[in-house]
Structures are given as structure tokens and as C-alpha cells.
Amino acid sequence: MVKIRLKRYGRKQQPTYRIIAIDVQSRREGRALQEVGFYDPIKDVTHLNVPTVLALLQKGAQPTETVHHILQKAGVLK
């Protein structure tokens, strides 16, 4: 099963995240199948490749709870 989840980058106390599609059994910093976006919680900035996200969701990928909220906030999920 494929999940859409966050992959942490950045320094201590200054995290940034990439939104990735990855196999469920892989670890958080494992090799991603595809990178579909970027999220900076400090500046509250989100960049998404919306057509790719929608294509992954149609193929059965499941977003994690946090990514689900990010996608709702961005207006991708209704």
C-alpha cells in the first residue's frame, strides 16, 4: 500500500517537510516513490503538485492524518 506522508528535513528546531508518496513498510527517511510537495510549518508555506496528488489518490494512495489536513487546507480535498 502507498501512503502520502511527510519526510522531515531541516535543522534542529527548524523543521521543513517534503510531502512524498512512499510504501507503507518503508521508514520515514526511506526512498520515496515520488515527491509531490513541500511544507514549512514555521512560515506556514505549502507547495503542492496538485495533478500528481490527485492521480495518486485516484490510484488508491492513502494520506496520513497530517497530510490530509494539509491537503484540506490547500483546497485539494473537498
PDB file of N, CA and C in Angstrom:
ATOM      1  N   MET A   1       0.845  -1.174   0.000  1.00  0.00           N
ATOM      2  CA  MET A   1       0.000   0.000   0.000  1.00  0.00           C
ATOM      3  C   MET A   1       0.893   1.240   0.000  1.00  0.00           C
ATOM      4  N   VAL A   2       0.457   2.253  -0.700  1.00  0.00           N
ATOM      5  CA  VAL A   2       1.196   3.515  -0.794  1.00  0.00           C
ATOM      6  C   VAL A   2       0.528   4.545   0.104  1.00  0.00           C
ATOM      7  N   LYS A   3       1.352   5.276   0.845  1.00  0.00           N
ATOM      8  CA  LYS A   3       0.875   6.366   1.696  1.00  0.00           C
ATOM      9  C   LYS A   3       1.468   7.673   1.201  1.00  0.00           C
ATOM     10  N   ILE A   4       0.744   8.742   1.402  1.00  0.00           N
ATOM     11  CA  ILE A   4       1.274  10.089   1.170  1.00  0.00           C
ATOM     12  C   ILE A   4       1.559  10.644   2.554  1.00  0.00           C
ATOM     13  N   ARG A   5       2.836  10.877   2.845  1.00  0.00           N
ATOM     14  CA  ARG A   5       3.208  11.313   4.184  1.00  0.00           C
ATOM     15  C   ARG A   5       4.360  12.298   4.136  1.00  0.00           C
ATOM     16  N   LEU A   6       4.773  12.757   5.316  1.00  0.00           N
ATOM     17  CA  LEU A   6       5.817  13.770   5.422  1.00  0.00           C
ATOM     18  C   LEU A   6       7.188  13.125   5.619  1.00  0.00           C
ATOM     19  N   LYS A   7       8.202  13.763   5.046  1.00  0.00           N
ATOM     20  CA  LYS A   7       9.591  13.362   5.231  1.00  0.00           C
ATOM     21  C   LYS A   7      10.317  14.582   5.784  1.00  0.00           C
ATOM     22  N   ARG A   8      10.920  14.445   6.959  1.00  0.00           N
ATOM     23  CA  ARG A   8      11.479  15.588   7.667  1.00  0.00           C
ATOM     24  C   ARG A   8      12.849  15.973   7.140  1.00  0.00           C
ATOM     25  N   TYR A   9      13.046  17.281   6.975  1.00  0.00           N
ATOM     26  CA  TYR A   9      14.323  17.873   6.623  1.00  0.00           C
ATOM     27  C   TYR A   9      14.547  19.065   7.535  1.00  0.00           C
ATOM     28  N   GLY A  10      15.708  19.688   7.442  1.00  0.00           N
ATOM     29  CA  GLY A  10      15.964  20.902   8.201  1.00  0.00           C
ATOM     30  C   GLY A  10      16.812  20.664   9.430  1.00  0.00           C
ATOM     31  N   ARG A  11      17.103  21.754  10.112  1.00  0.00           N
ATOM     32  CA  ARG A  11      17.938  21.699  11.302  1.00  0.00           C
ATOM     33  C   ARG A  11      17.092  21.499  12.550  1.00  0.00           C
ATOM     34  N   LYS A  12      17.794  21.406  13.675  1.00  0.00           N
ATOM     35  CA  LYS A  12      17.085  21.326  14.952  1.00  0.00           C
ATOM     36  C   LYS A  12      16.237  22.577  15.142  1.00  0.00           C
ATOM     37  N   GLN A  13      15.046  22.395  15.650  1.00  0.00           N
ATOM     38  CA  GLN A  13      14.100  23.474  15.928  1.00  0.00           C
ATOM     39  C   GLN A  13      13.650  24.236  14.685  1.00  0.00           C
ATOM     40  N   GLN A  14      14.045  23.813  13.489  1.00  0.00           N
ATOM     41  CA  GLN A  14      13.621  24.457  12.257  1.00  0.00           C
ATOM     42  C   GLN A  14      13.266  23.403  11.209  1.00  0.00           C
ATOM     43  N   PRO A  15      12.225  22.623  11.467  1.00  0.00           N
ATOM     44  CA  PRO A  15      11.904  21.543  10.528  1.00  0.00           C
ATOM     45  C   PRO A  15      11.228  22.062   9.264  1.00  0.00           C
ATOM     46  N   THR A  16      11.501  21.398   8.173  1.00  0.00           N
ATOM     47  CA  THR A  16      10.737  21.537   6.949  1.00  0.00           C
ATOM     48  C   THR A  16      10.430  20.113   6.489  1.00  0.00           C
ATOM     49  N   TYR A  17       9.394  19.963   5.730  1.00  0.00           N
ATOM     50  CA  TYR A  17       8.960  18.629   5.331  1.00  0.00           C
ATOM     51  C   TYR A  17       8.730  18.579   3.832  1.00  0.00           C
ATOM     52  N   ARG A  18       9.019  17.433   3.255  1.00  0.00           N
ATOM     53  CA  ARG A  18       8.624  17.147   1.882  1.00  0.00           C
ATOM     54  C   ARG A  18       7.443  16.195   1.954  1.00  0.00           C
ATOM     55  N   ILE A  19       6.462  16.423   1.125  1.00  0.00           N
ATOM     56  CA  ILE A  19       5.305  15.541   1.059  1.00  0.00           C
ATOM     57  C   ILE A  19       5.614  14.516  -0.025  1.00  0.00           C
ATOM     58  N   ILE A  20       5.631  13.250   0.374  1.00  0.00           N
ATOM     59  CA  ILE A  20       6.082  12.199  -0.531  1.00  0.00           C
ATOM     60  C   ILE A  20       5.079  11.057  -0.594  1.00  0.00           C
ATOM     61  N   ALA A  21       5.156  10.295  -1.666  1.00  0.00           N
ATOM     62  CA  ALA A  21       4.438   9.034  -1.780  1.00  0.00           C
ATOM     63  C   ALA A  21       5.459   7.938  -1.520  1.00  0.00           C
ATOM     64  N   ILE A  22       5.142   7.026  -0.584  1.00  0.00           N
ATOM     65  CA  ILE A  22       6.097   6.017  -0.157  1.00  0.00           C
ATOM     66  C   ILE A  22       5.355   4.753   0.241  1.00  0.00           C
ATOM     67  N   ASP A  23       6.030   3.622   0.140  1.00  0.00           N
ATOM     68  CA  ASP A  23       5.448   2.356   0.560  1.00  0.00           C
ATOM     69  C   ASP A  23       5.268   2.372   2.084  1.00  0.00           C
ATOM     70  N   VAL A  24       4.213   1.754   2.570  1.00  0.00           N
ATOM     71  CA  VAL A  24       3.867   1.769   3.997  1.00  0.00           C
ATOM     72  C   VAL A  24       4.987   1.189   4.861  1.00  0.00           C
ATOM     73  N   GLN A  25       5.659   0.169   4.367  1.00  0.00           N
ATOM     74  CA  GLN A  25       6.645  -0.523   5.184  1.00  0.00           C
ATOM     75  C   GLN A  25       8.000   0.166   5.213  1.00  0.00           C
ATOM     76  N   SER A  26       8.183   1.251   4.466  1.00  0.00           N
ATOM     77  CA  SER A  26       9.446   1.976   4.459  1.00  0.00           C
ATOM     78  C   SER A  26       9.538   2.903   5.657  1.00  0.00           C
ATOM     79  N   ARG A  27      10.756   3.204   6.056  1.00  0.00           N
ATOM     80  CA  ARG A  27      10.942   4.129   7.174  1.00  0.00           C
ATOM     81  C   ARG A  27      10.714   5.570   6.722  1.00  0.00           C
ATOM     82  N   ARG A  28      10.654   6.494   7.675  1.00  0.00           N
ATOM     83  CA  ARG A  28      10.292   7.880   7.366  1.00  0.00           C
ATOM     84  C   ARG A  28      11.281   8.535   6.406  1.00  0.00           C
ATOM     85  N   GLU A  29      12.574   8.280   6.574  1.00  0.00           N
ATOM     86  CA  GLU A  29      13.570   8.874   5.694  1.00  0.00           C
ATOM     87  C   GLU A  29      13.963   7.941   4.558  1.00  0.00           C
ATOM     88  N   GLY A  30      13.142   6.937   4.270  1.00  0.00           N
ATOM     89  CA  GLY A  30      13.433   5.985   3.209  1.00  0.00           C
ATOM     90  C   GLY A  30      13.273   6.597   1.828  1.00  0.00           C
ATOM     91  N   ARG A  31      13.567   5.793   0.833  1.00  0.00           N
ATOM     92  CA  ARG A  31      13.477   6.254  -0.554  1.00  0.00           C
ATOM     93  C   ARG A  31      12.016   6.444  -0.946  1.00  0.00           C
ATOM     94  N   ALA A  32      11.701   7.620  -1.429  1.00  0.00           N
ATOM     95  CA  ALA A  32      10.332   7.951  -1.822  1.00  0.00           C
ATOM     96  C   ALA A  32      10.048   7.450  -3.223  1.00  0.00           C
ATOM     97  N   LEU A  33       8.821   7.039  -3.458  1.00  0.00           N
ATOM     98  CA  LEU A  33       8.396   6.692  -4.807  1.00  0.00           C
ATOM     99  C   LEU A  33       8.280   7.953  -5.654  1.00  0.00           C
ATOM    100  N   GLN A  34       7.767   9.033  -5.017  1.00  0.00           N
ATOM    101  CA  GLN A  34       7.573  10.287  -5.727  1.00  0.00           C
ATOM    102  C   GLN A  34       7.428  11.419  -4.719  1.00  0.00           C
ATOM    103  N   GLU A  35       8.039  12.567  -5.007  1.00  0.00           N
ATOM    104  CA  GLU A  35       7.857  13.751  -4.172  1.00  0.00           C
ATOM    105  C   GLU A  35       6.749  14.593  -4.801  1.00  0.00           C
ATOM    106  N   VAL A  36       5.769  14.963  -3.981  1.00  0.00           N
ATOM    107  CA  VAL A  36       4.614  15.680  -4.527  1.00  0.00           C
ATOM    108  C   VAL A  36       4.417  17.064  -3.916  1.00  0.00           C
ATOM    109  N   GLY A  37       5.270  17.456  -2.977  1.00  0.00           N
ATOM    110  CA  GLY A  37       5.081  18.773  -2.396  1.00  0.00           C
ATOM    111  C   GLY A  37       6.087  19.089  -1.317  1.00  0.00           C
ATOM    112  N   PHE A  38       5.896  20.267  -0.708  1.00  0.00           N
ATOM    113  CA  PHE A  38       6.779  20.803   0.309  1.00  0.00           C
ATOM    114  C   PHE A  38       5.918  21.509   1.350  1.00  0.00           C
ATOM    115  N   TYR A  39       6.299  21.402   2.626  1.00  0.00           N
ATOM    116  CA  TYR A  39       5.541  22.046   3.704  1.00  0.00           C
ATOM    117  C   TYR A  39       6.503  22.625   4.720  1.00  0.00           C
ATOM    118  N   ASP A  40       6.353  23.910   5.017  1.00  0.00           N
ATOM    119  CA  ASP A  40       7.150  24.587   6.038  1.00  0.00           C
ATOM    120  C   ASP A  40       6.200  25.055   7.139  1.00  0.00           C
ATOM    121  N   PRO A  41       6.187  24.353   8.301  1.00  0.00           N
ATOM    122  CA  PRO A  41       5.231  24.719   9.351  1.00  0.00           C
ATOM    123  C   PRO A  41       5.552  26.033  10.047  1.00  0.00           C
ATOM    124  N   ILE A  42       6.797  26.470  10.020  1.00  0.00           N
ATOM    125  CA  ILE A  42       7.170  27.714  10.693  1.00  0.00           C
ATOM    126  C   ILE A  42       6.632  28.921   9.916  1.00  0.00           C
ATOM    127  N   LYS A  43       6.823  28.921   8.603  1.00  0.00           N
ATOM    128  CA  LYS A  43       6.324  30.009   7.758  1.00  0.00           C
ATOM    129  C   LYS A  43       4.915  29.734   7.249  1.00  0.00           C
ATOM    130  N   ASP A  44       4.404  28.538   7.507  1.00  0.00           N
ATOM    131  CA  ASP A  44       3.090  28.098   7.056  1.00  0.00           C
ATOM    132  C   ASP A  44       2.967  28.216   5.530  1.00  0.00           C
ATOM    133  N   VAL A  45       3.969  27.650   4.837  1.00  0.00           N
ATOM    134  CA  VAL A  45       4.025  27.670   3.382  1.00  0.00           C
ATOM    135  C   VAL A  45       3.871  26.243   2.869  1.00  0.00           C
ATOM    136  N   THR A  46       3.025  26.068   1.870  1.00  0.00           N
ATOM    137  CA  THR A  46       2.815  24.760   1.264  1.00  0.00           C
ATOM    138  C   THR A  46       2.884  24.890  -0.247  1.00  0.00           C
ATOM    139  N   HIS A  47       3.672  24.019  -0.884  1.00  0.00           N
ATOM    140  CA  HIS A  47       3.729  23.921  -2.342  1.00  0.00           C
ATOM    141  C   HIS A  47       3.338  22.497  -2.699  1.00  0.00           C
ATOM    142  N   LEU A  48       2.357  22.345  -3.568  1.00  0.00           N
ATOM    143  CA  LEU A  48       1.873  21.021  -3.954  1.00  0.00           C
ATOM    144  C   LEU A  48       1.833  20.882  -5.464  1.00  0.00           C
ATOM    145  N   ASN A  49       2.119  19.691  -5.943  1.00  0.00           N
ATOM    146  CA  ASN A  49       1.900  19.331  -7.330  1.00  0.00           C
ATOM    147  C   ASN A  49       0.521  18.675  -7.362  1.00  0.00           C
ATOM    148  N   VAL A  50      -0.502  19.476  -7.525  1.00  0.00           N
ATOM    149  CA  VAL A  50      -1.888  19.035  -7.370  1.00  0.00           C
ATOM    150  C   VAL A  50      -2.276  17.919  -8.341  1.00  0.00           C
ATOM    151  N   PRO A  51      -1.938  17.991  -9.639  1.00  0.00           N
ATOM    152  CA  PRO A  51      -2.326  16.883 -10.525  1.00  0.00           C
ATOM    153  C   PRO A  51      -1.717  15.541 -10.097  1.00  0.00           C
ATOM    154  N   THR A  52      -0.489  15.571  -9.616  1.00  0.00           N
ATOM    155  CA  THR A  52       0.155  14.336  -9.165  1.00  0.00           C
ATOM    156  C   THR A  52      -0.509  13.810  -7.906  1.00  0.00           C
ATOM    157  N   VAL A  53      -0.853  14.697  -6.975  1.00  0.00           N
ATOM    158  CA  VAL A  53      -1.528  14.283  -5.743  1.00  0.00           C
ATOM    159  C   VAL A  53      -2.877  13.645  -6.071  1.00  0.00           C
ATOM    160  N   LEU A  54      -3.632  14.272  -6.939  1.00  0.00           N
ATOM    161  CA  LEU A  54      -4.940  13.727  -7.312  1.00  0.00           C
ATOM    162  C   LEU A  54      -4.806  12.382  -8.024  1.00  0.00           C
ATOM    163  N   ALA A  55      -3.785  12.236  -8.869  1.00  0.00           N
ATOM    164  CA  ALA A  55      -3.572  10.967  -9.563  1.00  0.00           C
ATOM    165  C   ALA A  55      -3.226   9.857  -8.566  1.00  0.00           C
ATOM    166  N   LEU A  56      -2.402  10.165  -7.584  1.00  0.00           N
ATOM    167  CA  LEU A  56      -2.047   9.171  -6.566  1.00  0.00           C
ATOM    168  C   LEU A  56      -3.268   8.780  -5.733  1.00  0.00           C
ATOM    169  N   LEU A  57      -4.092   9.753  -5.373  1.00  0.00           N
ATOM    170  CA  LEU A  57      -5.290   9.459  -4.595  1.00  0.00           C
ATOM    171  C   LEU A  57      -6.273   8.597  -5.389  1.00  0.00           C
ATOM    172  N   GLN A  58      -6.382   8.846  -6.691  1.00  0.00           N
ATOM    173  CA  GLN A  58      -7.268   8.033  -7.524  1.00  0.00           C
ATOM    174  C   GLN A  58      -6.762   6.606  -7.660  1.00  0.00           C
ATOM    175  N   LYS A  59      -5.445   6.424  -7.595  1.00  0.00           N
ATOM    176  CA  LYS A  59      -4.870   5.081  -7.697  1.00  0.00           C
ATOM    177  C   LYS A  59      -4.922   4.324  -6.370  1.00  0.00           C
ATOM    178  N   GLY A  60      -5.388   4.983  -5.300  1.00  0.00           N
ATOM    179  CA  GLY A  60      -5.574   4.293  -4.026  1.00  0.00           C
ATOM    180  C   GLY A  60      -4.599   4.656  -2.932  1.00  0.00           C
ATOM    181  N   ALA A  61      -3.759   5.655  -3.134  1.00  0.00           N
ATOM    182  CA  ALA A  61      -2.835   6.086  -2.082  1.00  0.00           C
ATOM    183  C   ALA A  61      -3.622   6.727  -0.943  1.00  0.00           C
ATOM    184  N   GLN A  62      -3.207   6.458   0.287  1.00  0.00           N
ATOM    185  CA  GLN A  62      -3.884   6.982   1.466  1.00  0.00           C
ATOM    186  C   GLN A  62      -3.019   8.058   2.126  1.00  0.00           C
ATOM    187  N   PRO A  63      -3.534   9.271   2.339  1.00  0.00           N
ATOM    188  CA  PRO A  63      -2.754  10.286   3.054  1.00  0.00           C
ATOM    189  C   PRO A  63      -2.794  10.033   4.561  1.00  0.00           C
ATOM    190  N   THR A  64      -1.715  10.402   5.239  1.00  0.00           N
ATOM    191  CA  THR A  64      -1.724  10.329   6.691  1.00  0.00           C
ATOM    192  C   THR A  64      -2.634  11.440   7.219  1.00  0.00           C
ATOM    193  N   GLU A  65      -2.895  11.426   8.500  1.00  0.00           N
ATOM    194  CA  GLU A  65      -3.806  12.420   9.085  1.00  0.00           C
ATOM    195  C   GLU A  65      -3.280  13.841   8.886  1.00  0.00           C
ATOM    196  N   THR A  66      -1.999  14.041   9.110  1.00  0.00           N
ATOM    197  CA  THR A  66      -1.407  15.373   8.970  1.00  0.00           C
ATOM    198  C   THR A  66      -1.460  15.841   7.522  1.00  0.00           C
ATOM    199  N   VAL A  67      -1.107  14.972   6.595  1.00  0.00           N
ATOM    200  CA  VAL A  67      -1.143  15.331   5.181  1.00  0.00           C
ATOM    201  C   VAL A  67      -2.579  15.577   4.738  1.00  0.00           C
ATOM    202  N   HIS A  68      -3.518  14.823   5.276  1.00  0.00           N
ATOM    203  CA  HIS A  68      -4.936  15.026   4.964  1.00  0.00           C
ATOM    204  C   HIS A  68      -5.359  16.449   5.334  1.00  0.00           C
ATOM    205  N   HIS A  69      -4.934  16.922   6.507  1.00  0.00           N
ATOM    206  CA  HIS A  69      -5.268  18.288   6.935  1.00  0.00           C
ATOM    207  C   HIS A  69      -4.579  19.322   6.047  1.00  0.00           C
ATOM    208  N   ILE A  70      -3.354  19.057   5.641  1.00  0.00           N
ATOM    209  CA  ILE A  70      -2.638  19.977   4.750  1.00  0.00           C
ATOM    210  C   ILE A  70      -3.359  20.066   3.408  1.00  0.00           C
ATOM    211  N   LEU A  71      -3.795  18.922   2.876  1.00  0.00           N
ATOM    212  CA  LEU A  71      -4.498  18.910   1.594  1.00  0.00           C
ATOM    213  C   LEU A  71      -5.854  19.608   1.695  1.00  0.00           C
ATOM    214  N   GLN A  72      -6.543  19.437   2.824  1.00  0.00           N
ATOM    215  CA  GLN A  72      -7.825  20.142   3.015  1.00  0.00           C
ATOM    216  C   GLN A  72      -7.597  21.655   3.082  1.00  0.00           C
ATOM    217  N   LYS A  73      -6.557  22.064   3.794  1.00  0.00           N
ATOM    218  CA  LYS A  73      -6.262  23.484   3.933  1.00  0.00           C
ATOM    219  C   LYS A  73      -5.905  24.113   2.587  1.00  0.00           C
ATOM    220  N   ALA A  74      -5.238  23.335   1.727  1.00  0.00           N
ATOM    221  CA  ALA A  74      -4.858  23.819   0.412  1.00  0.00           C
ATOM    222  C   ALA A  74      -6.018  23.768  -0.590  1.00  0.00           C
ATOM    223  N   GLY A  75      -7.112  23.105  -0.216  1.00  0.00           N
ATOM    224  CA  GLY A  75      -8.280  23.044  -1.080  1.00  0.00           C
ATOM    225  C   GLY A  75      -8.242  21.903  -2.092  1.00  0.00           C
ATOM    226  N   VAL A  76      -7.341  20.954  -1.906  1.00  0.00           N
ATOM    227  CA  VAL A  76      -7.242  19.812  -2.820  1.00  0.00           C
ATOM    228  C   VAL A  76      -8.360  18.815  -2.524  1.00  0.00           C
ATOM    229  N   LEU A  77      -8.628  18.568  -1.254  1.00  0.00           N
ATOM    230  CA  LEU A  77      -9.710  17.668  -0.842  1.00  0.00           C
ATOM    231  C   LEU A  77     -10.921  18.499  -0.449  1.00  0.00           C
ATOM    232  N   LYS A  78     -12.088  18.030  -0.841  1.00  0.00           N
ATOM    233  CA  LYS A  78     -13.294  18.781  -0.511  1.00  0.00           C
ATOM    234  C   LYS A  78     -14.276  17.899   0.206  1.00  0.00           C
TER     235      LYS A  78
END
